[in-house]
PDB file of N, CA and C in Angstrom:
ATOM      1  N   UNK A   1      -4.938 -10.477   2.904  1.00  0.00           N
ATOM      2  CA  UNK A   1      -6.230  -9.943   2.515  1.00  0.00           C
ATOM      3  C   UNK A   1      -6.612  -8.752   3.401  1.00  0.00           C
ATOM      4  N   UNK A   2      -6.328  -8.884   4.681  1.00  0.00           N
ATOM      5  CA  UNK A   2      -6.661  -7.804   5.606  1.00  0.00           C
ATOM      6  C   UNK A   2      -5.890  -6.531   5.265  1.00  0.00           C
ATOM      7  N   UNK A   3      -4.621  -6.678   4.900  1.00  0.00           N
ATOM      8  CA  UNK A   3      -3.821  -5.508   4.540  1.00  0.00           C
ATOM      9  C   UNK A   3      -4.385  -4.818   3.305  1.00  0.00           C
ATOM     10  N   UNK A   4      -4.795  -5.594   2.328  1.00  0.00           N
ATOM     11  CA  UNK A   4      -5.376  -5.019   1.113  1.00  0.00           C
ATOM     12  C   UNK A   4      -6.659  -4.260   1.433  1.00  0.00           C
ATOM     13  N   UNK A   5      -7.476  -4.821   2.292  1.00  0.00           N
ATOM     14  CA  UNK A   5      -8.717  -4.140   2.669  1.00  0.00           C
ATOM     15  C   UNK A   5      -8.430  -2.878   3.471  1.00  0.00           C
ATOM     16  N   UNK A   6      -7.429  -2.928   4.332  1.00  0.00           N
ATOM     17  CA  UNK A   6      -7.061  -1.754   5.118  1.00  0.00           C
ATOM     18  C   UNK A   6      -6.601  -0.626   4.202  1.00  0.00           C
ATOM     19  N   UNK A   7      -5.782  -0.976   3.199  1.00  0.00           N
ATOM     20  CA  UNK A   7      -5.308   0.047   2.265  1.00  0.00           C
ATOM     21  C   UNK A   7      -6.442   0.626   1.435  1.00  0.00           C
ATOM     22  N   UNK A   8      -7.487  -0.146   1.247  1.00  0.00           N
ATOM     23  CA  UNK A   8      -8.645   0.340   0.504  1.00  0.00           C
ATOM     24  C   UNK A   8      -9.519   1.242   1.374  1.00  0.00           C
ATOM     25  N   UNK A   9      -9.791   0.810   2.591  1.00  0.00           N
ATOM     26  CA  UNK A   9     -10.725   1.533   3.455  1.00  0.00           C
ATOM     27  C   UNK A   9     -10.115   2.724   4.187  1.00  0.00           C
ATOM     28  N   UNK A  10      -8.804   2.735   4.397  1.00  0.00           N
ATOM     29  CA  UNK A  10      -8.172   3.815   5.161  1.00  0.00           C
ATOM     30  C   UNK A  10      -8.445   5.204   4.578  1.00  0.00           C
ATOM     31  N   UNK A  11      -8.240   5.443   3.283  1.00  0.00           N
ATOM     32  CA  UNK A  11      -8.529   6.786   2.754  1.00  0.00           C
ATOM     33  C   UNK A  11     -10.002   7.172   2.869  1.00  0.00           C
ATOM     34  N   UNK A  12     -10.882   6.195   2.723  1.00  0.00           N
ATOM     35  CA  UNK A  12     -12.318   6.480   2.833  1.00  0.00           C
ATOM     36  C   UNK A  12     -12.660   6.884   4.260  1.00  0.00           C
ATOM     37  N   UNK A  13     -12.141   6.138   5.232  1.00  0.00           N
ATOM     38  CA  UNK A  13     -12.416   6.459   6.635  1.00  0.00           C
ATOM     39  C   UNK A  13     -11.797   7.794   7.036  1.00  0.00           C
ATOM     40  N   UNK A  14     -10.608   8.074   6.540  1.00  0.00           N
ATOM     41  CA  UNK A  14      -9.983   9.368   6.838  1.00  0.00           C
ATOM     42  C   UNK A  14     -10.842  10.496   6.290  1.00  0.00           C
ATOM     43  N   UNK A  15     -11.359  10.321   5.090  1.00  0.00           N
ATOM     44  CA  UNK A  15     -12.208  11.343   4.470  1.00  0.00           C
ATOM     45  C   UNK A  15     -13.489  11.554   5.280  1.00  0.00           C
ATOM     46  N   UNK A  16     -14.034  10.485   5.869  1.00  0.00           N
ATOM     47  CA  UNK A  16     -15.267  10.581   6.652  1.00  0.00           C
ATOM     48  C   UNK A  16     -15.006  11.181   8.029  1.00  0.00           C
ATOM     49  N   UNK A  17     -13.929  10.729   8.699  1.00  0.00           N
ATOM     50  CA  UNK A  17     -13.666  11.136  10.081  1.00  0.00           C
ATOM     51  C   UNK A  17     -13.170  12.578  10.162  1.00  0.00           C
ATOM     52  N   UNK A  18     -12.206  12.937   9.351  1.00  0.00           N
ATOM     53  CA  UNK A  18     -11.649  14.297   9.377  1.00  0.00           C
ATOM     54  C   UNK A  18     -11.638  14.879   7.962  1.00  0.00           C
ATOM     55  N   UNK A  19     -12.788  15.298   7.472  1.00  0.00           N
ATOM     56  CA  UNK A  19     -12.857  15.755   6.074  1.00  0.00           C
ATOM     57  C   UNK A  19     -12.010  16.990   5.781  1.00  0.00           C
ATOM     58  N   UNK A  20     -11.854  17.870   6.761  1.00  0.00           N
ATOM     59  CA  UNK A  20     -11.097  19.099   6.503  1.00  0.00           C
ATOM     60  C   UNK A  20      -9.608  18.830   6.303  1.00  0.00           C
ATOM     61  N   UNK A  21      -9.046  17.959   7.129  1.00  0.00           N
ATOM     62  CA  UNK A  21      -7.622  17.652   7.030  1.00  0.00           C
ATOM     63  C   UNK A  21      -7.337  16.538   6.028  1.00  0.00           C
ATOM     64  N   UNK A  22      -8.352  15.816   5.612  1.00  0.00           N
ATOM     65  CA  UNK A  22      -8.151  14.646   4.753  1.00  0.00           C
ATOM     66  C   UNK A  22      -7.554  15.021   3.404  1.00  0.00           C
ATOM     67  N   UNK A  23      -8.012  16.100   2.831  1.00  0.00           N
ATOM     68  CA  UNK A  23      -7.526  16.483   1.505  1.00  0.00           C
ATOM     69  C   UNK A  23      -6.025  16.735   1.527  1.00  0.00           C
ATOM     70  N   UNK A  24      -5.565  17.488   2.501  1.00  0.00           N
ATOM     71  CA  UNK A  24      -4.132  17.791   2.594  1.00  0.00           C
ATOM     72  C   UNK A  24      -3.324  16.517   2.843  1.00  0.00           C
ATOM     73  N   UNK A  25      -3.798  15.673   3.769  1.00  0.00           N
ATOM     74  CA  UNK A  25      -3.096  14.429   4.087  1.00  0.00           C
ATOM     75  C   UNK A  25      -3.046  13.489   2.886  1.00  0.00           C
ATOM     76  N   UNK A  26      -4.186  13.303   2.236  1.00  0.00           N
ATOM     77  CA  UNK A  26      -4.237  12.388   1.096  1.00  0.00           C
ATOM     78  C   UNK A  26      -3.444  12.920  -0.093  1.00  0.00           C
ATOM     79  N   UNK A  27      -3.447  14.233  -0.289  1.00  0.00           N
ATOM     80  CA  UNK A  27      -2.649  14.816  -1.371  1.00  0.00           C
ATOM     81  C   UNK A  27      -1.151  14.632  -1.119  1.00  0.00           C
ATOM     82  N   UNK A  28      -0.727  14.851   0.138  1.00  0.00           N
ATOM     83  CA  UNK A  28       0.698  14.674   0.436  1.00  0.00           C
ATOM     84  C   UNK A  28       1.099  13.207   0.347  1.00  0.00           C
ATOM     85  N   UNK A  29       0.216  12.306   0.757  1.00  0.00           N
ATOM     86  CA  UNK A  29       0.494  10.872   0.633  1.00  0.00           C
ATOM     87  C   UNK A  29       0.587  10.468  -0.829  1.00  0.00           C
ATOM     88  N   UNK A  30      -0.307  10.982  -1.637  1.00  0.00           N
ATOM     89  CA  UNK A  30      -0.280  10.686  -3.068  1.00  0.00           C
ATOM     90  C   UNK A  30       0.998  11.217  -3.716  1.00  0.00           C
ATOM     91  N   UNK A  31       1.398  12.416  -3.344  1.00  0.00           N
ATOM     92  CA  UNK A  31       2.631  12.992  -3.895  1.00  0.00           C
ATOM     93  C   UNK A  31       3.843  12.163  -3.487  1.00  0.00           C
ATOM     94  N   UNK A  32       3.877  11.710  -2.230  1.00  0.00           N
ATOM     95  CA  UNK A  32       4.988  10.876  -1.762  1.00  0.00           C
ATOM     96  C   UNK A  32       5.032   9.557  -2.517  1.00  0.00           C
ATOM     97  N   UNK A  33       3.875   8.936  -2.715  1.00  0.00           N
ATOM     98  CA  UNK A  33       3.830   7.662  -3.435  1.00  0.00           C
ATOM     99  C   UNK A  33       4.232   7.840  -4.896  1.00  0.00           C
ATOM    100  N   UNK A  34       3.843   8.947  -5.500  1.00  0.00           N
ATOM    101  CA  UNK A  34       4.235   9.224  -6.880  1.00  0.00           C
ATOM    102  C   UNK A  34       5.742   9.433  -6.982  1.00  0.00           C
ATOM    103  N   UNK A  35       6.302  10.171  -6.029  1.00  0.00           N
ATOM    104  CA  UNK A  35       7.737  10.437  -6.018  1.00  0.00           C
ATOM    105  C   UNK A  35       8.537   9.155  -5.814  1.00  0.00           C
ATOM    106  N   UNK A  36       8.062   8.266  -4.960  1.00  0.00           N
ATOM    107  CA  UNK A  36       8.787   7.045  -4.615  1.00  0.00           C
ATOM    108  C   UNK A  36       8.223   5.807  -5.298  1.00  0.00           C
ATOM    109  N   UNK A  37       7.584   5.990  -6.429  1.00  0.00           N
ATOM    110  CA  UNK A  37       6.917   4.892  -7.124  1.00  0.00           C
ATOM    111  C   UNK A  37       7.872   3.756  -7.478  1.00  0.00           C
ATOM    112  N   UNK A  38       9.042   4.078  -7.994  1.00  0.00           N
ATOM    113  CA  UNK A  38       9.989   3.040  -8.418  1.00  0.00           C
ATOM    114  C   UNK A  38      10.432   2.183  -7.229  1.00  0.00           C
ATOM    115  N   UNK A  39      10.742   2.809  -6.114  1.00  0.00           N
ATOM    116  CA  UNK A  39      11.165   2.059  -4.928  1.00  0.00           C
ATOM    117  C   UNK A  39      10.016   1.211  -4.399  1.00  0.00           C
ATOM    118  N   UNK A  40       8.824   1.776  -4.345  1.00  0.00           N
ATOM    119  CA  UNK A  40       7.669   1.026  -3.855  1.00  0.00           C
ATOM    120  C   UNK A  40       7.380  -0.186  -4.730  1.00  0.00           C
ATOM    121  N   UNK A  41       7.433  -0.020  -6.038  1.00  0.00           N
ATOM    122  CA  UNK A  41       7.172  -1.147  -6.936  1.00  0.00           C
ATOM    123  C   UNK A  41       8.257  -2.211  -6.822  1.00  0.00           C
ATOM    124  N   UNK A  42       9.505  -1.784  -6.626  1.00  0.00           N
ATOM    125  CA  UNK A  42      10.588  -2.748  -6.438  1.00  0.00           C
ATOM    126  C   UNK A  42      10.357  -3.574  -5.183  1.00  0.00           C
ATOM    127  N   UNK A  43       9.965  -2.924  -4.111  1.00  0.00           N
ATOM    128  CA  UNK A  43       9.690  -3.636  -2.861  1.00  0.00           C
ATOM    129  C   UNK A  43       8.521  -4.598  -3.034  1.00  0.00           C
ATOM    130  N   UNK A  44       7.473  -4.176  -3.713  1.00  0.00           N
ATOM    131  CA  UNK A  44       6.308  -5.045  -3.933  1.00  0.00           C
ATOM    132  C   UNK A  44       6.691  -6.255  -4.778  1.00  0.00           C
ATOM    133  N   UNK A  45       7.419  -6.026  -5.874  1.00  0.00           N
ATOM    134  CA  UNK A  45       7.804  -7.136  -6.756  1.00  0.00           C
ATOM    135  C   UNK A  45       8.725  -8.110  -6.028  1.00  0.00           C
ATOM    136  N   UNK A  46       9.724  -7.602  -5.320  1.00  0.00           N
ATOM    137  CA  UNK A  46      10.613  -8.497  -4.576  1.00  0.00           C
ATOM    138  C   UNK A  46       9.868  -9.237  -3.472  1.00  0.00           C
ATOM    139  N   UNK A  47       8.969  -8.549  -2.802  1.00  0.00           N
ATOM    140  CA  UNK A  47       8.170  -9.202  -1.767  1.00  0.00           C
ATOM    141  C   UNK A  47       7.332 -10.332  -2.324  1.00  0.00           C
ATOM    142  N   UNK A  48       6.703 -10.104  -3.470  1.00  0.00           N
ATOM    143  CA  UNK A  48       5.917 -11.166  -4.103  1.00  0.00           C
ATOM    144  C   UNK A  48       6.805 -12.318  -4.555  1.00  0.00           C
ATOM    145  N   UNK A  49       7.978 -11.993  -5.098  1.00  0.00           N
ATOM    146  CA  UNK A  49       8.906 -13.046  -5.517  1.00  0.00           C
ATOM    147  C   UNK A  49       9.297 -13.928  -4.331  1.00  0.00           C
ATOM    148  N   UNK A  50       9.703 -13.301  -3.229  1.00  0.00           N
ATOM    149  CA  UNK A  50      10.112 -14.077  -2.058  1.00  0.00           C
ATOM    150  C   UNK A  50       8.944 -14.852  -1.464  1.00  0.00           C
ATOM    151  N   UNK A  51       7.762 -14.291  -1.505  1.00  0.00           N
ATOM    152  CA  UNK A  51       6.580 -14.993  -1.007  1.00  0.00           C
ATOM    153  C   UNK A  51       6.324 -16.257  -1.816  1.00  0.00           C
ATOM    154  N   UNK A  52       6.302 -16.124  -3.143  1.00  0.00           N
ATOM    155  CA  UNK A  52       6.027 -17.286  -3.991  1.00  0.00           C
ATOM    156  C   UNK A  52       7.177 -18.286  -3.977  1.00  0.00           C
ATOM    157  N   UNK A  53       8.414 -17.801  -3.904  1.00  0.00           N
ATOM    158  CA  UNK A  53       9.559 -18.716  -3.832  1.00  0.00           C
ATOM    159  C   UNK A  53       9.519 -19.509  -2.527  1.00  0.00           C
ATOM    160  N   UNK A  54       9.184 -18.842  -1.445  1.00  0.00           N
ATOM    161  CA  UNK A  54       9.069 -19.539  -0.167  1.00  0.00           C
ATOM    162  C   UNK A  54       7.930 -20.534  -0.159  1.00  0.00           C
ATOM    163  N   UNK A  55       6.798 -20.147  -0.719  1.00  0.00           N
ATOM    164  CA  UNK A  55       5.659 -21.071  -0.804  1.00  0.00           C
ATOM    165  C   UNK A  55       6.000 -22.290  -1.649  1.00  0.00           C
ATOM    166  N   UNK A  56       6.700 -22.074  -2.756  1.00  0.00           N
ATOM    167  CA  UNK A  56       7.059 -23.192  -3.634  1.00  0.00           C
ATOM    168  C   UNK A  56       7.977 -24.171  -2.912  1.00  0.00           C
ATOM    169  N   UNK A  57       8.898 -23.652  -2.117  1.00  0.00           N
ATOM    170  CA  UNK A  57       9.804 -24.541  -1.377  1.00  0.00           C
ATOM    171  C   UNK A  57       9.077 -25.266  -0.259  1.00  0.00           C
ATOM    172  N   UNK A  58       8.120 -24.609   0.361  1.00  0.00           N
ATOM    173  CA  UNK A  58       7.357 -25.281   1.417  1.00  0.00           C
ATOM    174  C   UNK A  58       6.486 -26.395   0.856  1.00  0.00           C
ATOM    175  N   UNK A  59       5.937 -26.177  -0.318  1.00  0.00           N
ATOM    176  CA  UNK A  59       5.033 -27.159  -0.912  1.00  0.00           C
ATOM    177  C   UNK A  59       5.767 -28.261  -1.669  1.00  0.00           C
ATOM    178  N   UNK A  60       7.070 -28.070  -1.920  1.00  0.00           N
ATOM    179  CA  UNK A  60       7.830 -29.086  -2.678  1.00  0.00           C
ATOM    180  C   UNK A  60       8.213 -30.271  -1.813  1.00  0.00           C
TER     181      UNK A  60
END
């Protein structure tokens, strides 16, 4: 939960703390995420699979 909140609040705080540099940083981050979308989604899906598989084995 903390990681999800951090990912939500980080761009907002960057925009507030350093507004001049924030646009360039956030644009480059967005471009990188768009370029690497397939790899990022694969990592997220596999991570969720291993998380739920591990939880199922612990609870069984």
